[in-house]
Structure formats: C-alpha cells, structure tokens
C-alpha cells in the first residue's frame, strides 16, 4: 500500500553533488510489432525490444529510472497469464534477477537509492518497485497518477498493483521539473497521458532518456512518434513530444537515448556510461 501521495518539494531527494555516471540496464525483452513502436511501421515485422532502466549515480546517492517487469508476477503462472501473455505479447526475462544483479555489479546499494523516477506506468517499467526499501520516493507526473487510478488495466498493458500495492511514497509533478542539480524530468506526454523523459547533465555531456516517447532511433531521425497512445486523441501530444526530443538530439553535446531500440549502443553494451 502506498504510504503517502503528495507534491515533490524542491531539494527533497537525498542526493549530494551532481550526476557522475549512468548505468544502463537491460532487464528483459519483449516482442513488439514495428507498428506499435513506429507510427506507420509494418505490423507484420516484430522487433525483440530490450526492456531497459538506468541508474543515475551522483557523488552521493543514486536514482533509478524505470525498473522493468515484476519478476515475481512474471514467474507465477496465473499472474503471467493474466498480465503478461496476451495476443502476440509476452515478457521475456533472463535467469536470475537482472535488476538486482545489475545494481550490485555497479557497486550500488538500495539503502542509498534516493528515488525511483517512473517514466510511465506500463508494466515493463514499474516492476522494479518490488526491490526498493519501504518508503522510497517514487516520482510520477500527476497526469499519469490520475490515469493509473482511473480503472486502467490489462487492455492498457498496466499492472496497477506494481505501484498501488508498493510500500513507497508517491511524489507528484506537473510538467518539466528540476529534481536535483543536473537531473530533471521533461513532459513528453502522448504515449501515455503523463509520460515523462529524464535529462541527466554529466560532466562531459547531457543524456536525455526518452523512455517510450521514442522507442527507436527512427522515431527521432524521422520525427515519427510511436504508433500507440494510451488515450485516444493524444496523438498530437505524442508528435509534439517526439519533435521536442528530436530537437534536443540535434544539439551539440546532447544524446537522446531511445527507450527500446535493440541496436542502441548502451543497451547492446549494457555497461556503465
């Protein structure tokens, strides 16, 4: 059960200094028709897309952006059938626990986790909350929280209890927000009503984690949004968001990482950047 729901207060997160490195994490895979990840794409062409997360490591403390599937649900036959296996979709996960193992390999401890930033509440992004310490802050856009509480579920590919049953503190935002020096979220609504991307200003460059506002590099280079929106009529928002990300990708010293591209370097390498 969520402990509390309130607005985020400036300088609230337990972070010291600035972001120093990113740890890209591949937590599983999912077969996705190209037409879902790219408007106008081929519905008969399936991509085995990585399910990704990133640890943003500060001088002291770190932030987890997204968290993959809830492995306990995926590995339970009844819950898997109810949530993860439908139509052409299934969750593909490696042995063990890629999130727990990746965090440990990066030398990070859950007791130093300052917050989880959830880009949006699709089931391939919310499962990491099962690992966090009780009372951990979870940062969401208010519009996304409202959508989560509106009665959505399997049809929208959301497992509401990933968030609602977690022992966390939900901190709500309205649009672009600075979370800490060098860390901010960007309003990239459209794919879902409150989707947010994350900007990290490192010593040598800035990285924007597009998450699902741009699944593939082609979304950025072709300025074409994903082919699925959570709420009918939000297609113009999705277009504005991918245009915003494409503009950022054109700036010197800025990298925009598409959230699910199988060929994108950090997801292929899966190592600290």
Protein backbone atom coordinates (compact mmCIF):
# COMPACT_ATOMS: atom_id res chain seq x y z
CA UNK A 1 0.00 0.00 0.00
CA UNK A 2 1.33 3.43 -0.96
CA UNK A 3 2.36 5.29 2.20
CA UNK A 4 1.63 8.81 1.01
CA UNK A 5 0.84 10.84 -2.09
CA UNK A 6 1.89 14.46 -2.28
CA UNK A 7 3.75 17.03 -4.34
CA UNK A 8 7.52 16.86 -4.54
CA UNK A 9 9.28 19.57 -2.53
CA UNK A 10 12.40 21.18 -4.09
CA UNK A 11 15.70 19.72 -2.81
CA UNK A 12 13.80 16.89 -1.12
CA UNK A 13 15.71 13.97 -2.61
CA UNK A 14 18.68 12.63 -0.66
CA UNK A 15 21.30 13.37 -3.32
CA UNK A 16 24.65 15.12 -2.91
CA UNK A 17 26.63 16.75 -5.68
CA UNK A 18 25.95 16.10 -9.36
CA UNK A 19 25.41 13.11 -11.66
CA UNK A 20 28.73 11.39 -12.37
CA UNK A 21 27.82 8.33 -14.40
CA UNK A 22 24.96 6.36 -15.88
CA UNK A 23 24.47 2.62 -15.57
CA UNK A 24 22.31 1.31 -18.46
CA UNK A 25 20.44 -1.86 -17.57
CA UNK A 26 18.73 -4.37 -19.85
CA UNK A 27 16.21 -6.24 -17.73
CA UNK A 28 14.45 -8.39 -20.32
CA UNK A 29 12.93 -8.27 -23.77
CA UNK A 30 9.51 -8.10 -25.43
CA UNK A 31 8.33 -8.88 -28.98
CA UNK A 32 6.74 -5.70 -30.37
CA UNK A 33 5.24 -5.10 -33.84
CA UNK A 34 7.09 -2.32 -35.60
CA UNK A 35 3.75 -0.53 -36.00
CA UNK A 36 3.50 -0.15 -32.20
CA UNK A 37 6.93 1.42 -31.86
CA UNK A 38 6.76 3.49 -35.06
CA UNK A 39 3.61 5.05 -36.44
CA UNK A 40 3.18 3.68 -39.95
CA UNK A 41 5.53 0.77 -39.29
CA UNK A 42 4.97 -2.77 -40.54
CA UNK A 43 2.54 -4.65 -38.25
CA UNK A 44 3.90 -7.98 -39.51
CA UNK A 45 7.51 -7.13 -38.60
CA UNK A 46 8.31 -7.92 -34.98
CA UNK A 47 11.22 -6.46 -33.05
CA UNK A 48 12.64 -8.15 -29.96
CA UNK A 49 12.99 -4.96 -27.96
CA UNK A 50 15.03 -4.57 -24.78
CA UNK A 51 13.27 -3.65 -21.55
CA UNK A 52 15.53 -1.00 -20.08
CA UNK A 53 16.30 1.03 -16.99
CA UNK A 54 19.10 3.40 -15.96
CA UNK A 55 20.80 4.13 -12.67
CA UNK A 56 21.86 7.77 -12.37
CA UNK A 57 24.77 7.88 -9.93
CA UNK A 58 25.54 11.10 -8.03
CA UNK A 59 28.52 11.95 -5.83
CA UNK A 60 26.36 10.55 -3.06
CA UNK A 61 23.14 8.67 -3.73
CA UNK A 62 21.54 7.44 -6.93
CA UNK A 63 18.25 7.45 -8.79
CA UNK A 64 16.65 4.56 -10.67
CA UNK A 65 14.80 5.46 -13.85
CA UNK A 66 12.20 2.74 -14.54
CA UNK A 67 12.51 -0.86 -13.42
CA UNK A 68 11.37 -3.48 -15.90
CA UNK A 69 8.94 -6.29 -15.10
CA UNK A 70 7.90 -7.59 -11.70
CA UNK A 71 9.67 -10.95 -11.88
CA UNK A 72 7.54 -12.45 -9.12
CA UNK A 73 4.44 -11.86 -11.24
CA UNK A 74 6.12 -12.96 -14.47
CA UNK A 75 7.20 -16.26 -12.92
CA UNK A 76 3.82 -17.03 -11.34
CA UNK A 77 1.80 -18.97 -13.98
CA UNK A 78 -1.56 -17.42 -13.10
CA UNK A 79 -0.30 -13.84 -12.90
CA UNK A 80 1.75 -14.27 -16.05
CA UNK A 81 -1.34 -15.45 -17.93
CA UNK A 82 -3.38 -12.58 -16.52
CA UNK A 83 -0.93 -9.77 -17.23
CA UNK A 84 1.98 -10.70 -19.49
CA UNK A 85 0.79 -13.22 -22.09
CA UNK A 86 -1.85 -11.89 -24.46
CA UNK A 87 -2.30 -11.65 -28.22
CA UNK A 88 1.26 -11.55 -29.62
CA UNK A 89 2.83 -10.16 -26.44
CA UNK A 90 4.90 -11.95 -23.82
CA UNK A 91 7.53 -10.98 -21.27
CA UNK A 92 10.98 -12.44 -21.91
CA UNK A 93 13.31 -12.42 -18.90
CA UNK A 94 16.79 -13.86 -18.32
CA UNK A 95 17.56 -16.25 -15.47
CA UNK A 96 18.08 -14.64 -12.09
CA UNK A 97 17.21 -11.01 -11.41
CA UNK A 98 18.82 -8.64 -13.91
CA UNK A 99 17.86 -5.52 -11.94
CA UNK A 100 19.21 -6.71 -8.58
CA UNK A 101 22.33 -8.13 -10.21
CA UNK A 102 22.96 -5.03 -12.32
CA UNK A 103 22.64 -2.72 -9.34
CA UNK A 104 25.04 -4.87 -7.33
CA UNK A 105 27.53 -5.09 -10.21
CA UNK A 106 27.54 -1.27 -10.41
CA UNK A 107 28.56 -1.10 -6.75
CA UNK A 108 25.27 0.48 -5.68
CA UNK A 109 23.22 -0.23 -2.57
CA UNK A 110 19.47 0.01 -2.24
CA UNK A 111 19.93 1.90 1.02
CA UNK A 112 21.50 4.76 -0.98
CA UNK A 113 18.63 4.93 -3.50
CA UNK A 114 17.20 8.45 -3.32
CA UNK A 115 14.21 7.89 -5.61
CA UNK A 116 12.69 5.95 -8.47
CA UNK A 117 11.58 8.01 -11.44
CA UNK A 118 8.88 6.13 -13.35
CA UNK A 119 8.57 7.40 -16.91
CA UNK A 120 5.08 5.93 -17.20
CA UNK A 121 3.08 3.09 -15.72
CA UNK A 122 3.28 0.40 -18.42
CA UNK A 123 4.08 -2.99 -16.92
CA UNK A 124 7.58 -3.15 -18.43
CA UNK A 125 8.60 -0.07 -16.41
CA UNK A 126 7.06 -0.47 -12.95
CA UNK A 127 8.25 -3.88 -11.71
CA UNK A 128 11.40 -2.64 -10.01
CA UNK A 129 9.44 -1.21 -7.10
CA UNK A 130 9.39 -4.73 -5.60
CA UNK A 131 13.08 -4.28 -4.67
CA UNK A 132 13.13 -0.82 -3.13
CA UNK A 133 13.28 -0.10 0.60
CA UNK A 134 9.99 0.81 2.33
CA UNK A 135 9.12 4.47 1.97
CA UNK A 136 11.28 5.06 -1.10
CA UNK A 137 10.13 8.14 -3.07
CA UNK A 138 8.58 7.35 -6.47
CA UNK A 139 8.37 10.31 -8.86
CA UNK A 140 5.40 10.43 -11.26
CA UNK A 141 3.59 13.06 -13.25
CA UNK A 142 0.23 13.94 -11.73
CA UNK A 143 -1.49 13.20 -15.05
CA UNK A 144 0.00 9.69 -15.03
CA UNK A 145 -1.11 9.08 -11.45
CA UNK A 146 -4.65 10.15 -12.35
CA UNK A 147 -4.63 7.77 -15.33
CA UNK A 148 -3.33 4.94 -13.14
CA UNK A 149 -6.23 5.46 -10.72
CA UNK A 150 -8.84 5.70 -13.48
CA UNK A 151 -9.60 1.99 -13.90
CA UNK A 152 -6.97 1.02 -16.45
CA UNK A 153 -5.51 -2.49 -16.54
CA UNK A 154 -4.68 -5.28 -18.96
CA UNK A 155 -6.08 -3.50 -22.01
CA UNK A 156 -3.66 -0.63 -21.43
CA UNK A 157 -0.81 -3.05 -20.50
CA UNK A 158 -0.70 -1.77 -16.93
CA UNK A 159 -0.40 -3.78 -13.70
CA UNK A 160 -1.80 -1.20 -11.29
CA UNK A 161 -0.62 -3.03 -8.17
CA UNK A 162 3.01 -2.67 -9.24
CA UNK A 163 2.58 0.88 -7.92
CA UNK A 164 -0.56 0.92 -5.79
CA UNK A 165 0.48 -2.08 -3.67
CA UNK A 166 4.10 -0.92 -3.24
CA UNK A 167 5.30 0.41 0.11
CA UNK A 168 6.52 3.71 -1.33
CA UNK A 169 5.92 7.45 -1.14
CA UNK A 170 4.50 8.88 -4.38
CA UNK A 171 5.74 12.36 -5.26
CA UNK A 172 3.72 14.12 -7.95
CA UNK A 173 4.95 16.62 -10.55
CA UNK A 174 3.27 18.89 -13.06
CA UNK A 175 5.36 19.09 -16.23
CA UNK A 176 9.07 19.89 -16.53
CA UNK A 177 10.74 19.78 -13.13
CA UNK A 178 14.29 20.00 -11.78
CA UNK A 179 14.76 17.13 -9.32
CA UNK A 180 18.36 17.85 -8.32
CA UNK A 181 21.40 19.63 -9.81
CA UNK A 182 21.94 18.00 -13.19
CA UNK A 183 18.74 15.91 -13.08
CA UNK A 184 15.39 16.96 -14.48
CA UNK A 185 12.26 15.44 -15.96
CA UNK A 186 10.67 16.58 -19.21
CA UNK A 187 6.97 16.48 -20.02
CA UNK A 188 6.75 14.12 -23.01
CA UNK A 189 3.11 13.16 -22.74
CA UNK A 190 1.30 11.36 -25.55
CA UNK A 191 2.34 7.72 -25.36
CA UNK A 192 0.55 7.85 -22.02
CA UNK A 193 -1.16 10.90 -20.51
CA UNK A 194 1.67 11.66 -18.09
CA UNK A 195 4.74 10.20 -19.77
CA UNK A 196 7.99 11.87 -18.71
CA UNK A 197 11.52 11.64 -20.05
CA UNK A 198 14.64 12.30 -17.97
CA UNK A 199 17.57 14.63 -18.64
CA UNK A 200 20.92 13.98 -16.97
CA UNK A 201 23.71 16.56 -17.24
CA UNK A 202 27.00 14.68 -16.85
CA UNK A 203 30.44 16.34 -16.67
CA UNK A 204 31.15 15.65 -20.35
CA UNK A 205 27.71 15.61 -21.98
CA UNK A 206 23.96 15.59 -21.42
CA UNK A 207 21.87 12.46 -21.87
CA UNK A 208 18.11 12.51 -22.34
CA UNK A 209 16.39 9.22 -21.59
CA UNK A 210 13.47 9.32 -24.00
CA UNK A 211 11.86 6.22 -22.50
CA UNK A 212 8.74 5.41 -24.55
CA UNK A 213 8.30 8.83 -26.10
CA UNK A 214 10.80 7.41 -28.62
CA UNK A 215 11.17 3.63 -28.64
CA UNK A 216 13.57 3.58 -31.58
CA UNK A 217 16.24 5.80 -33.07
CA UNK A 218 13.98 6.05 -36.13
CA UNK A 219 11.37 7.85 -34.01
CA UNK A 220 13.94 10.62 -33.59
CA UNK A 221 15.55 10.69 -37.03
CA UNK A 222 12.18 10.52 -38.81
CA UNK A 223 10.30 12.63 -36.23
CA UNK A 224 7.65 9.96 -36.06
CA UNK A 225 6.05 9.01 -32.74
CA UNK A 226 5.22 5.54 -31.53
CA UNK A 227 2.11 4.01 -33.03
CA UNK A 228 0.24 3.51 -29.74
CA UNK A 229 -1.23 6.07 -27.36
CA UNK A 230 -2.93 5.30 -24.08
CA UNK A 231 -5.82 7.69 -24.63
CA UNK A 232 -7.44 8.32 -27.99
CA UNK A 233 -6.90 11.88 -29.15
CA UNK A 234 -3.44 12.20 -27.59
CA UNK A 235 -1.67 11.64 -30.90
CA UNK A 236 -0.81 15.37 -31.30
CA UNK A 237 0.84 15.31 -27.86
CA UNK A 238 2.93 12.30 -28.92
CA UNK A 239 4.04 14.17 -32.03
CA UNK A 240 4.99 17.26 -30.05
CA UNK A 241 6.99 15.11 -27.65
CA UNK A 242 8.97 13.30 -30.32
CA UNK A 243 9.65 16.64 -32.05
CA UNK A 244 10.94 18.01 -28.75
CA UNK A 245 13.26 15.04 -28.31
CA UNK A 246 14.46 15.22 -31.91
CA UNK A 247 15.29 18.90 -31.41
CA UNK A 248 17.32 18.01 -28.32
CA UNK A 249 19.13 15.26 -30.22
CA UNK A 250 20.29 17.88 -32.70
CA UNK A 251 22.04 20.00 -30.07
CA UNK A 252 25.81 19.76 -29.55
CA UNK A 253 26.74 17.68 -26.53
CA UNK A 254 23.29 16.14 -26.10
CA UNK A 255 22.50 12.45 -26.59
CA UNK A 256 18.92 11.19 -26.68
CA UNK A 257 18.61 7.50 -25.85
CA UNK A 258 15.55 5.76 -27.34
CA UNK A 259 13.98 3.51 -24.75
CA UNK A 260 13.59 0.21 -26.61
CA UNK A 261 15.92 0.19 -29.63
CA UNK A 262 17.61 -3.23 -29.95
CA UNK A 263 20.59 -1.69 -31.77
CA UNK A 264 21.17 1.30 -29.47
CA UNK A 265 24.73 1.16 -28.13
CA UNK A 266 24.15 1.44 -24.37
CA UNK A 267 21.54 -1.31 -24.45
CA UNK A 268 23.82 -3.52 -26.54
CA UNK A 269 26.84 -2.93 -24.30
CA UNK A 270 24.87 -2.93 -21.06
CA UNK A 271 27.73 -1.32 -19.15
CA UNK A 272 28.38 1.92 -17.29
CA UNK A 273 28.50 5.01 -19.50
